[in-house]
Amino acid sequence: MNKEQLEGKWNQVKGNFKQKYGELTDDDITYTEGKFDEMLGKLQEKTGKEKKEIEREIAEW
């Protein structure tokens, strides 16, 4: 799965959550994206793997 596909899936998830939980704002979603990026950074630091490798592992779940 490439970056564009991963971003496309993320956009679908965001849209689904906005529909299901109408009170979510774009700020809430942006905060969540930031936390996801933070998690990727921590995983990189702890595992020594590249970001793309971690994203690939996540996409395979």
N, C-alpha and C. Protein backbone atom coordinates (compact mmCIF):
# COMPACT_ATOMS: atom_id res chain seq x y z
N MET A 1 0.86 -1.17 0.00
CA MET A 1 0.00 0.00 0.00
C MET A 1 0.89 1.23 0.00
N ASN A 2 0.63 2.13 -0.93
CA ASN A 2 1.46 3.33 -0.99
C ASN A 2 0.85 4.45 -0.16
N LYS A 3 1.57 5.55 -0.09
CA LYS A 3 1.15 6.68 0.75
C LYS A 3 -0.22 7.21 0.35
N GLU A 4 -0.47 7.29 -0.96
CA GLU A 4 -1.74 7.82 -1.43
C GLU A 4 -2.90 6.91 -1.02
N GLN A 5 -2.68 5.61 -1.10
CA GLN A 5 -3.72 4.67 -0.69
C GLN A 5 -3.98 4.76 0.81
N LEU A 6 -2.90 4.89 1.59
CA LEU A 6 -3.04 5.02 3.04
C LEU A 6 -3.79 6.30 3.39
N GLU A 7 -3.46 7.38 2.71
CA GLU A 7 -4.17 8.65 2.95
C GLU A 7 -5.63 8.54 2.53
N GLY A 8 -5.89 7.82 1.43
CA GLY A 8 -7.27 7.64 0.98
C GLY A 8 -8.08 6.87 2.02
N LYS A 9 -7.48 5.82 2.57
CA LYS A 9 -8.18 5.07 3.62
C LYS A 9 -8.43 5.94 4.84
N TRP A 10 -7.43 6.75 5.21
CA TRP A 10 -7.59 7.64 6.35
C TRP A 10 -8.74 8.62 6.11
N ASN A 11 -8.83 9.15 4.89
CA ASN A 11 -9.91 10.08 4.56
C ASN A 11 -11.26 9.39 4.66
N GLN A 12 -11.34 8.12 4.29
CA GLN A 12 -12.58 7.38 4.43
C GLN A 12 -12.94 7.21 5.90
N VAL A 13 -11.96 6.88 6.71
CA VAL A 13 -12.20 6.71 8.15
C VAL A 13 -12.68 8.03 8.74
N LYS A 14 -12.02 9.14 8.38
CA LYS A 14 -12.44 10.45 8.90
C LYS A 14 -13.89 10.73 8.52
N GLY A 15 -14.22 10.48 7.26
CA GLY A 15 -15.59 10.74 6.80
C GLY A 15 -16.61 9.89 7.54
N ASN A 16 -16.27 8.63 7.74
CA ASN A 16 -17.18 7.74 8.46
C ASN A 16 -17.39 8.20 9.90
N PHE A 17 -16.32 8.61 10.55
CA PHE A 17 -16.46 9.08 11.93
C PHE A 17 -17.24 10.38 12.00
N LYS A 18 -17.03 11.27 11.03
CA LYS A 18 -17.79 12.52 11.02
C LYS A 18 -19.27 12.25 10.84
N GLN A 19 -19.60 11.24 10.02
CA GLN A 19 -21.00 10.90 9.81
C GLN A 19 -21.60 10.27 11.06
N LYS A 20 -20.84 9.37 11.66
CA LYS A 20 -21.34 8.64 12.83
C LYS A 20 -21.41 9.54 14.06
N TYR A 21 -20.42 10.41 14.20
CA TYR A 21 -20.34 11.30 15.36
C TYR A 21 -20.34 12.73 14.87
N GLY A 22 -21.52 13.25 14.59
CA GLY A 22 -21.68 14.56 13.99
C GLY A 22 -21.05 15.69 14.77
N GLU A 23 -20.80 15.48 16.07
CA GLU A 23 -20.22 16.56 16.87
C GLU A 23 -18.72 16.71 16.66
N LEU A 24 -18.09 15.76 15.93
CA LEU A 24 -16.65 15.89 15.65
C LEU A 24 -16.41 17.06 14.71
N THR A 25 -15.39 17.82 15.01
CA THR A 25 -15.04 18.95 14.16
C THR A 25 -13.76 18.63 13.39
N ASP A 26 -13.44 19.47 12.42
CA ASP A 26 -12.18 19.31 11.69
C ASP A 26 -11.00 19.43 12.65
N ASP A 27 -11.12 20.27 13.67
CA ASP A 27 -10.05 20.40 14.66
C ASP A 27 -9.83 19.09 15.41
N ASP A 28 -10.92 18.40 15.74
CA ASP A 28 -10.80 17.11 16.41
C ASP A 28 -10.05 16.11 15.52
N ILE A 29 -10.41 16.10 14.25
CA ILE A 29 -9.79 15.17 13.31
C ILE A 29 -8.31 15.53 13.11
N THR A 30 -8.01 16.81 13.00
CA THR A 30 -6.62 17.25 12.83
C THR A 30 -5.79 16.86 14.05
N TYR A 31 -6.36 17.01 15.22
CA TYR A 31 -5.68 16.60 16.45
C TYR A 31 -5.36 15.12 16.40
N THR A 32 -6.33 14.33 15.96
CA THR A 32 -6.14 12.89 15.87
C THR A 32 -5.06 12.55 14.86
N GLU A 33 -5.04 13.25 13.73
CA GLU A 33 -3.99 13.03 12.73
C GLU A 33 -2.62 13.32 13.34
N GLY A 34 -2.54 14.37 14.12
CA GLY A 34 -1.28 14.73 14.77
C GLY A 34 -0.85 13.65 15.74
N LYS A 35 -1.79 13.10 16.48
CA LYS A 35 -1.46 12.02 17.41
C LYS A 35 -1.00 10.77 16.66
N PHE A 36 -1.61 10.49 15.50
CA PHE A 36 -1.19 9.35 14.69
C PHE A 36 0.24 9.56 14.21
N ASP A 37 0.55 10.77 13.74
CA ASP A 37 1.92 11.07 13.31
C ASP A 37 2.90 10.94 14.47
N GLU A 38 2.47 11.37 15.64
CA GLU A 38 3.31 11.25 16.84
C GLU A 38 3.57 9.77 17.15
N MET A 39 2.53 8.96 17.03
CA MET A 39 2.68 7.53 17.29
C MET A 39 3.66 6.92 16.28
N LEU A 40 3.55 7.30 15.01
CA LEU A 40 4.48 6.78 14.01
C LEU A 40 5.91 7.16 14.36
N GLY A 41 6.11 8.38 14.81
CA GLY A 41 7.44 8.83 15.20
C GLY A 41 7.99 8.02 16.36
N LYS A 42 7.15 7.74 17.33
CA LYS A 42 7.59 6.94 18.49
C LYS A 42 7.92 5.52 18.07
N LEU A 43 7.12 4.96 17.17
CA LEU A 43 7.40 3.61 16.68
C LEU A 43 8.72 3.58 15.91
N GLN A 44 8.97 4.61 15.12
CA GLN A 44 10.24 4.70 14.40
C GLN A 44 11.41 4.72 15.39
N GLU A 45 11.27 5.54 16.40
CA GLU A 45 12.33 5.69 17.40
C GLU A 45 12.58 4.37 18.13
N LYS A 46 11.51 3.69 18.52
CA LYS A 46 11.65 2.47 19.32
C LYS A 46 12.11 1.27 18.50
N THR A 47 11.64 1.19 17.23
CA THR A 47 11.94 0.01 16.43
C THR A 47 13.11 0.20 15.48
N GLY A 48 13.43 1.46 15.17
CA GLY A 48 14.48 1.73 14.20
C GLY A 48 14.04 1.50 12.76
N LYS A 49 12.73 1.28 12.56
CA LYS A 49 12.20 1.05 11.22
C LYS A 49 11.88 2.38 10.55
N GLU A 50 11.84 2.36 9.23
CA GLU A 50 11.46 3.55 8.47
C GLU A 50 9.95 3.74 8.54
N LYS A 51 9.53 4.99 8.38
CA LYS A 51 8.11 5.33 8.46
C LYS A 51 7.29 4.51 7.47
N LYS A 52 7.79 4.37 6.25
CA LYS A 52 7.05 3.61 5.23
C LYS A 52 6.86 2.15 5.64
N GLU A 53 7.86 1.58 6.29
CA GLU A 53 7.75 0.19 6.73
C GLU A 53 6.68 0.05 7.81
N ILE A 54 6.64 1.00 8.73
CA ILE A 54 5.64 0.97 9.79
C ILE A 54 4.24 1.17 9.19
N GLU A 55 4.11 2.12 8.27
CA GLU A 55 2.82 2.35 7.61
C GLU A 55 2.37 1.10 6.89
N ARG A 56 3.28 0.39 6.26
CA ARG A 56 2.96 -0.84 5.54
C ARG A 56 2.43 -1.89 6.52
N GLU A 57 3.09 -2.01 7.66
CA GLU A 57 2.64 -2.97 8.68
C GLU A 57 1.24 -2.63 9.17
N ILE A 58 0.99 -1.36 9.40
CA ILE A 58 -0.33 -0.92 9.87
C ILE A 58 -1.38 -1.23 8.81
N ALA A 59 -1.06 -0.97 7.56
CA ALA A 59 -2.02 -1.19 6.47
C ALA A 59 -2.34 -2.67 6.30
N GLU A 60 -1.40 -3.54 6.64
CA GLU A 60 -1.62 -4.98 6.49
C GLU A 60 -2.54 -5.55 7.57
N TRP A 61 -2.77 -4.84 8.64
CA TRP A 61 -3.64 -5.33 9.71
C TRP A 61 -5.01 -5.24 9.24
